[in-house]
Amino acid sequence: MKLNYITIMVRSMEKSLKFYQELVGLETVKHMTLERGEIVFLANGKEETKLELIEFKDREKVETKGMVMSYQAKESLEKLRERAIMLGGAPSDIVKQGPKPRYFTVKDPDGIVVEFTESNTPQ
């Protein structure tokens, strides 16, 4: 079985798009403006990673506790962390602990913890 996509009921489509496009590197593949709000589908180039962002005024918003989304970085963690700061985020320090590759975390505009992990293979 393959995960199709993850849906996030966002508070601000503008802030969420900026985060997932400029920091994570996902691209808009479909954008729908409806009477109730907006729906945007994002994916990486190969569409292996897909998110659906929904902003409807009358719907509940995502609540986060104990959830982490992890992405494998395509560039150095140092550059990515610096970009997170430039976009207004407050990333953790870069951590190297145990057998896990180096990583750092930052919260998205809705408070979801997003982890960026160093690639073990050359890009």
N, C-alpha and C. Protein backbone atom coordinates (compact mmCIF):
# COMPACT_ATOMS: atom_id res chain seq x y z
N MET A 1 0.84 -1.17 0.00
CA MET A 1 0.00 0.00 0.00
C MET A 1 0.89 1.24 0.00
N LYS A 2 0.48 2.26 -0.71
CA LYS A 2 1.24 3.50 -0.83
C LYS A 2 0.40 4.64 -0.24
N LEU A 3 1.04 5.48 0.55
CA LEU A 3 0.36 6.66 1.09
C LEU A 3 0.09 7.62 -0.06
N ASN A 4 -1.16 8.00 -0.22
CA ASN A 4 -1.54 8.88 -1.32
C ASN A 4 -1.11 10.31 -1.03
N TYR A 5 -1.63 10.91 0.05
CA TYR A 5 -1.22 12.24 0.48
C TYR A 5 -1.68 12.46 1.91
N ILE A 6 -1.13 13.47 2.54
CA ILE A 6 -1.53 13.90 3.87
C ILE A 6 -2.27 15.21 3.72
N THR A 7 -3.42 15.33 4.38
CA THR A 7 -4.22 16.55 4.34
C THR A 7 -4.00 17.32 5.63
N ILE A 8 -3.78 18.63 5.49
CA ILE A 8 -3.63 19.51 6.65
C ILE A 8 -4.66 20.63 6.52
N MET A 9 -5.49 20.78 7.54
CA MET A 9 -6.47 21.87 7.59
C MET A 9 -5.76 23.08 8.18
N VAL A 10 -5.27 23.97 7.32
CA VAL A 10 -4.38 25.06 7.74
C VAL A 10 -5.16 26.30 8.17
N ARG A 11 -4.48 27.13 8.94
CA ARG A 11 -5.05 28.40 9.39
C ARG A 11 -4.81 29.51 8.36
N SER A 12 -3.68 29.44 7.66
CA SER A 12 -3.33 30.45 6.67
C SER A 12 -2.70 29.78 5.46
N MET A 13 -3.42 29.77 4.35
CA MET A 13 -2.89 29.15 3.14
C MET A 13 -1.61 29.86 2.70
N GLU A 14 -1.60 31.17 2.78
CA GLU A 14 -0.44 31.95 2.36
C GLU A 14 0.82 31.54 3.13
N LYS A 15 0.73 31.48 4.45
CA LYS A 15 1.89 31.12 5.27
C LYS A 15 2.30 29.66 5.04
N SER A 16 1.32 28.78 4.94
CA SER A 16 1.63 27.36 4.73
C SER A 16 2.27 27.12 3.37
N LEU A 17 1.76 27.78 2.33
CA LEU A 17 2.37 27.63 1.01
C LEU A 17 3.81 28.12 1.01
N LYS A 18 4.04 29.26 1.63
CA LYS A 18 5.41 29.80 1.69
C LYS A 18 6.35 28.80 2.37
N PHE A 19 5.91 28.22 3.48
CA PHE A 19 6.74 27.25 4.21
C PHE A 19 7.03 26.02 3.37
N TYR A 20 5.98 25.39 2.85
CA TYR A 20 6.17 24.12 2.14
C TYR A 20 6.79 24.29 0.76
N GLN A 21 6.63 25.44 0.13
CA GLN A 21 7.27 25.67 -1.16
C GLN A 21 8.71 26.13 -0.98
N GLU A 22 8.93 27.15 -0.16
CA GLU A 22 10.26 27.76 -0.06
C GLU A 22 11.22 27.01 0.84
N LEU A 23 10.72 26.30 1.84
CA LEU A 23 11.63 25.58 2.73
C LEU A 23 11.69 24.10 2.39
N VAL A 24 10.55 23.46 2.24
CA VAL A 24 10.51 22.03 1.95
C VAL A 24 10.80 21.76 0.47
N GLY A 25 10.44 22.69 -0.40
CA GLY A 25 10.72 22.52 -1.83
C GLY A 25 9.61 21.82 -2.60
N LEU A 26 8.40 21.78 -2.05
CA LEU A 26 7.29 21.17 -2.77
C LEU A 26 6.71 22.17 -3.76
N GLU A 27 6.12 21.65 -4.83
CA GLU A 27 5.55 22.50 -5.88
C GLU A 27 4.04 22.31 -5.92
N THR A 28 3.33 23.38 -6.29
CA THR A 28 1.88 23.29 -6.44
C THR A 28 1.56 22.50 -7.69
N VAL A 29 0.74 21.47 -7.54
CA VAL A 29 0.31 20.68 -8.69
C VAL A 29 -1.15 20.93 -9.02
N LYS A 30 -1.91 21.45 -8.05
CA LYS A 30 -3.31 21.80 -8.30
C LYS A 30 -3.76 22.81 -7.25
N HIS A 31 -4.45 23.85 -7.70
CA HIS A 31 -4.94 24.90 -6.79
C HIS A 31 -6.39 25.16 -7.12
N MET A 32 -7.24 24.97 -6.13
CA MET A 32 -8.68 25.18 -6.34
C MET A 32 -9.16 26.27 -5.38
N THR A 33 -9.83 27.27 -5.93
CA THR A 33 -10.48 28.29 -5.12
C THR A 33 -11.98 28.01 -5.17
N LEU A 34 -12.54 27.79 -4.00
CA LEU A 34 -13.95 27.45 -3.87
C LEU A 34 -14.65 28.53 -3.06
N GLU A 35 -15.94 28.47 -3.03
CA GLU A 35 -16.72 29.44 -2.25
C GLU A 35 -16.34 29.41 -0.77
N ARG A 36 -16.08 28.22 -0.24
CA ARG A 36 -15.75 28.06 1.18
C ARG A 36 -14.29 28.33 1.51
N GLY A 37 -13.42 28.34 0.51
CA GLY A 37 -12.00 28.54 0.78
C GLY A 37 -11.13 28.00 -0.34
N GLU A 38 -9.95 27.52 0.04
CA GLU A 38 -8.97 27.05 -0.95
C GLU A 38 -8.50 25.64 -0.63
N ILE A 39 -8.13 24.91 -1.68
CA ILE A 39 -7.46 23.62 -1.57
C ILE A 39 -6.26 23.66 -2.50
N VAL A 40 -5.10 23.29 -1.98
CA VAL A 40 -3.88 23.25 -2.78
C VAL A 40 -3.21 21.91 -2.57
N PHE A 41 -2.88 21.24 -3.69
CA PHE A 41 -2.10 20.01 -3.65
C PHE A 41 -0.66 20.35 -3.97
N LEU A 42 0.26 19.87 -3.14
CA LEU A 42 1.69 20.08 -3.32
C LEU A 42 2.38 18.73 -3.47
N ALA A 43 3.48 18.71 -4.22
CA ALA A 43 4.24 17.47 -4.37
C ALA A 43 5.69 17.79 -4.71
N ASN A 44 6.55 16.80 -4.47
CA ASN A 44 7.91 16.95 -4.96
C ASN A 44 7.89 16.61 -6.44
N GLY A 45 9.00 16.78 -7.12
CA GLY A 45 9.05 16.59 -8.57
C GLY A 45 8.58 15.22 -9.05
N LYS A 46 8.84 14.18 -8.28
CA LYS A 46 8.46 12.83 -8.68
C LYS A 46 7.10 12.43 -8.12
N GLU A 47 6.47 13.34 -7.39
CA GLU A 47 5.19 13.11 -6.72
C GLU A 47 5.22 11.91 -5.78
N GLU A 48 6.38 11.72 -5.12
CA GLU A 48 6.49 10.69 -4.10
C GLU A 48 5.97 11.23 -2.77
N THR A 49 6.14 12.53 -2.58
CA THR A 49 5.68 13.21 -1.37
C THR A 49 4.56 14.15 -1.78
N LYS A 50 3.38 13.97 -1.18
CA LYS A 50 2.24 14.81 -1.57
C LYS A 50 1.50 15.30 -0.32
N LEU A 51 1.17 16.58 -0.34
CA LEU A 51 0.39 17.19 0.73
C LEU A 51 -0.83 17.88 0.11
N GLU A 52 -1.92 17.86 0.84
CA GLU A 52 -3.11 18.62 0.47
C GLU A 52 -3.34 19.62 1.60
N LEU A 53 -3.30 20.90 1.26
CA LEU A 53 -3.57 21.96 2.23
C LEU A 53 -4.97 22.48 1.99
N ILE A 54 -5.77 22.58 3.04
CA ILE A 54 -7.13 23.08 2.92
C ILE A 54 -7.31 24.22 3.90
N GLU A 55 -7.84 25.34 3.41
CA GLU A 55 -8.22 26.44 4.29
C GLU A 55 -9.68 26.77 4.01
N PHE A 56 -10.54 26.29 4.88
CA PHE A 56 -11.97 26.60 4.84
C PHE A 56 -12.29 27.35 6.13
N LYS A 57 -13.00 28.44 6.02
CA LYS A 57 -13.30 29.27 7.19
C LYS A 57 -14.12 28.52 8.24
N ASP A 58 -15.02 27.64 7.83
CA ASP A 58 -15.94 27.00 8.76
C ASP A 58 -15.51 25.59 9.19
N ARG A 59 -14.27 25.21 8.96
CA ARG A 59 -13.80 23.87 9.31
C ARG A 59 -12.77 23.93 10.42
N GLU A 60 -12.68 22.84 11.17
CA GLU A 60 -11.68 22.78 12.22
C GLU A 60 -10.28 22.85 11.61
N LYS A 61 -9.35 23.31 12.40
CA LYS A 61 -7.96 23.43 11.95
C LYS A 61 -7.13 22.33 12.59
N VAL A 62 -6.00 22.05 11.99
CA VAL A 62 -5.11 21.01 12.49
C VAL A 62 -4.66 21.37 13.91
N GLU A 63 -4.60 20.34 14.75
CA GLU A 63 -4.03 20.46 16.08
C GLU A 63 -2.89 19.47 16.15
N THR A 64 -1.79 19.90 16.67
CA THR A 64 -0.62 19.04 16.64
C THR A 64 -0.13 18.74 18.04
N LYS A 65 0.16 17.49 18.24
CA LYS A 65 0.77 17.04 19.47
C LYS A 65 1.34 15.65 19.17
N GLY A 66 2.63 15.53 19.27
CA GLY A 66 3.24 14.23 19.04
C GLY A 66 3.35 13.85 17.57
N MET A 67 3.27 14.83 16.66
CA MET A 67 3.37 14.54 15.23
C MET A 67 4.63 15.21 14.67
N VAL A 68 5.39 14.45 13.90
CA VAL A 68 6.59 14.97 13.24
C VAL A 68 6.57 14.51 11.79
N MET A 69 6.78 15.44 10.87
CA MET A 69 6.97 15.07 9.46
C MET A 69 8.45 15.21 9.17
N SER A 70 9.05 14.19 8.58
CA SER A 70 10.48 14.20 8.33
C SER A 70 10.76 14.20 6.83
N TYR A 71 11.63 15.10 6.42
CA TYR A 71 12.04 15.21 5.02
C TYR A 71 13.55 15.01 4.92
N GLN A 72 13.97 14.30 3.88
CA GLN A 72 15.40 14.14 3.63
C GLN A 72 15.88 15.37 2.86
N ALA A 73 16.85 16.06 3.41
CA ALA A 73 17.35 17.30 2.82
C ALA A 73 18.09 17.03 1.52
N LYS A 74 17.89 17.92 0.54
CA LYS A 74 18.60 17.83 -0.74
C LYS A 74 19.80 18.76 -0.76
N GLU A 75 19.96 19.55 0.28
CA GLU A 75 21.08 20.48 0.37
C GLU A 75 21.64 20.39 1.78
N SER A 76 22.70 21.13 2.06
CA SER A 76 23.30 21.05 3.38
C SER A 76 22.31 21.52 4.45
N LEU A 77 22.36 20.88 5.59
CA LEU A 77 21.48 21.26 6.69
C LEU A 77 21.74 22.69 7.14
N GLU A 78 22.99 23.11 7.06
CA GLU A 78 23.33 24.46 7.46
C GLU A 78 22.61 25.50 6.59
N LYS A 79 22.63 25.31 5.27
CA LYS A 79 21.94 26.23 4.36
C LYS A 79 20.42 26.19 4.57
N LEU A 80 19.90 25.00 4.73
CA LEU A 80 18.46 24.84 4.93
C LEU A 80 18.02 25.47 6.25
N ARG A 81 18.80 25.29 7.29
CA ARG A 81 18.49 25.88 8.59
C ARG A 81 18.52 27.41 8.50
N GLU A 82 19.51 27.94 7.80
CA GLU A 82 19.61 29.40 7.61
C GLU A 82 18.38 29.92 6.85
N ARG A 83 17.92 29.20 5.85
CA ARG A 83 16.72 29.61 5.12
C ARG A 83 15.49 29.58 6.02
N ALA A 84 15.41 28.59 6.90
CA ALA A 84 14.29 28.52 7.85
C ALA A 84 14.27 29.76 8.73
N ILE A 85 15.42 30.21 9.16
CA ILE A 85 15.51 31.44 9.97
C ILE A 85 15.07 32.64 9.15
N MET A 86 15.54 32.74 7.90
CA MET A 86 15.18 33.86 7.03
C MET A 86 13.67 33.91 6.77
N LEU A 87 13.01 32.75 6.79
CA LEU A 87 11.56 32.69 6.57
C LEU A 87 10.78 32.92 7.87
N GLY A 88 11.48 33.23 8.95
CA GLY A 88 10.81 33.55 10.21
C GLY A 88 10.66 32.38 11.17
N GLY A 89 11.25 31.25 10.84
CA GLY A 89 11.16 30.08 11.71
C GLY A 89 12.18 30.14 12.84
N ALA A 90 12.00 29.26 13.80
CA ALA A 90 12.92 29.14 14.94
C ALA A 90 13.42 27.70 14.99
N PRO A 91 14.32 27.33 14.08
CA PRO A 91 14.77 25.94 14.03
C PRO A 91 15.63 25.56 15.23
N SER A 92 15.61 24.26 15.54
CA SER A 92 16.49 23.74 16.58
C SER A 92 17.93 23.80 16.07
N ASP A 93 18.85 23.51 16.96
CA ASP A 93 20.23 23.32 16.54
C ASP A 93 20.28 22.05 15.70
N ILE A 94 21.34 21.90 14.92
CA ILE A 94 21.55 20.65 14.18
C ILE A 94 22.04 19.60 15.18
N VAL A 95 21.38 18.46 15.17
CA VAL A 95 21.63 17.41 16.16
C VAL A 95 22.28 16.21 15.49
N LYS A 96 23.28 15.65 16.15
CA LYS A 96 23.86 14.37 15.74
C LYS A 96 23.81 13.48 16.96
N GLN A 97 22.93 12.46 16.90
CA GLN A 97 22.73 11.61 18.06
C GLN A 97 22.51 10.18 17.62
N GLY A 98 23.35 9.29 18.11
CA GLY A 98 23.19 7.87 17.81
C GLY A 98 23.37 7.55 16.34
N PRO A 99 22.68 6.50 15.89
CA PRO A 99 22.85 6.07 14.51
C PRO A 99 22.06 6.91 13.51
N LYS A 100 21.19 7.76 14.00
CA LYS A 100 20.37 8.59 13.13
C LYS A 100 21.24 9.66 12.45
N PRO A 101 20.98 9.97 11.16
CA PRO A 101 21.73 11.05 10.50
C PRO A 101 21.48 12.40 11.19
N ARG A 102 22.36 13.34 10.93
CA ARG A 102 22.18 14.68 11.50
C ARG A 102 20.82 15.24 11.07
N TYR A 103 20.22 16.08 11.91
CA TYR A 103 18.91 16.65 11.60
C TYR A 103 18.68 17.92 12.42
N PHE A 104 17.66 18.68 12.00
CA PHE A 104 17.13 19.76 12.84
C PHE A 104 15.63 19.79 12.63
N THR A 105 14.94 20.45 13.55
CA THR A 105 13.49 20.56 13.44
C THR A 105 13.08 22.04 13.46
N VAL A 106 11.91 22.30 12.88
CA VAL A 106 11.30 23.63 12.90
C VAL A 106 9.79 23.41 12.79
N LYS A 107 9.02 24.30 13.39
CA LYS A 107 7.56 24.16 13.30
C LYS A 107 7.03 24.88 12.07
N ASP A 108 6.05 24.26 11.42
CA ASP A 108 5.38 24.91 10.29
C ASP A 108 4.40 25.96 10.86
N PRO A 109 3.73 26.75 10.01
CA PRO A 109 2.85 27.81 10.52
C PRO A 109 1.71 27.33 11.41
N ASP A 110 1.38 26.03 11.37
CA ASP A 110 0.32 25.50 12.22
C ASP A 110 0.85 24.73 13.42
N GLY A 111 2.15 24.75 13.62
CA GLY A 111 2.75 24.10 14.78
C GLY A 111 3.16 22.65 14.58
N ILE A 112 3.08 22.14 13.36
CA ILE A 112 3.54 20.79 13.08
C ILE A 112 5.07 20.79 13.09
N VAL A 113 5.67 19.86 13.81
CA VAL A 113 7.12 19.76 13.84
C VAL A 113 7.58 19.12 12.53
N VAL A 114 8.46 19.82 11.84
CA VAL A 114 9.00 19.32 10.58
C VAL A 114 10.51 19.11 10.79
N GLU A 115 10.95 17.90 10.48
CA GLU A 115 12.35 17.53 10.66
C GLU A 115 13.03 17.45 9.30
N PHE A 116 14.22 17.99 9.22
CA PHE A 116 15.04 17.89 8.01
C PHE A 116 16.25 17.05 8.37
N THR A 117 16.40 15.92 7.66
CA THR A 117 17.45 14.96 7.94
C THR A 117 18.48 14.97 6.83
N GLU A 118 19.73 14.86 7.22
CA GLU A 118 20.81 14.82 6.25
C GLU A 118 20.74 13.54 5.44
N SER A 119 21.01 13.66 4.15
CA SER A 119 21.03 12.49 3.28
C SER A 119 22.28 11.69 3.53
N ASN A 120 22.15 10.37 3.52
CA ASN A 120 23.31 9.49 3.65
C ASN A 120 23.95 9.19 2.32
N THR A 121 23.24 9.54 1.24
CA THR A 121 23.77 9.24 -0.09
C THR A 121 24.04 10.54 -0.81
N PRO A 122 25.05 10.57 -1.71
CA PRO A 122 25.33 11.77 -2.46
C PRO A 122 24.15 12.14 -3.36
N GLN A 123 23.88 13.44 -3.49
CA GLN A 123 22.77 13.92 -4.34
C GLN A 123 23.20 14.08 -5.76
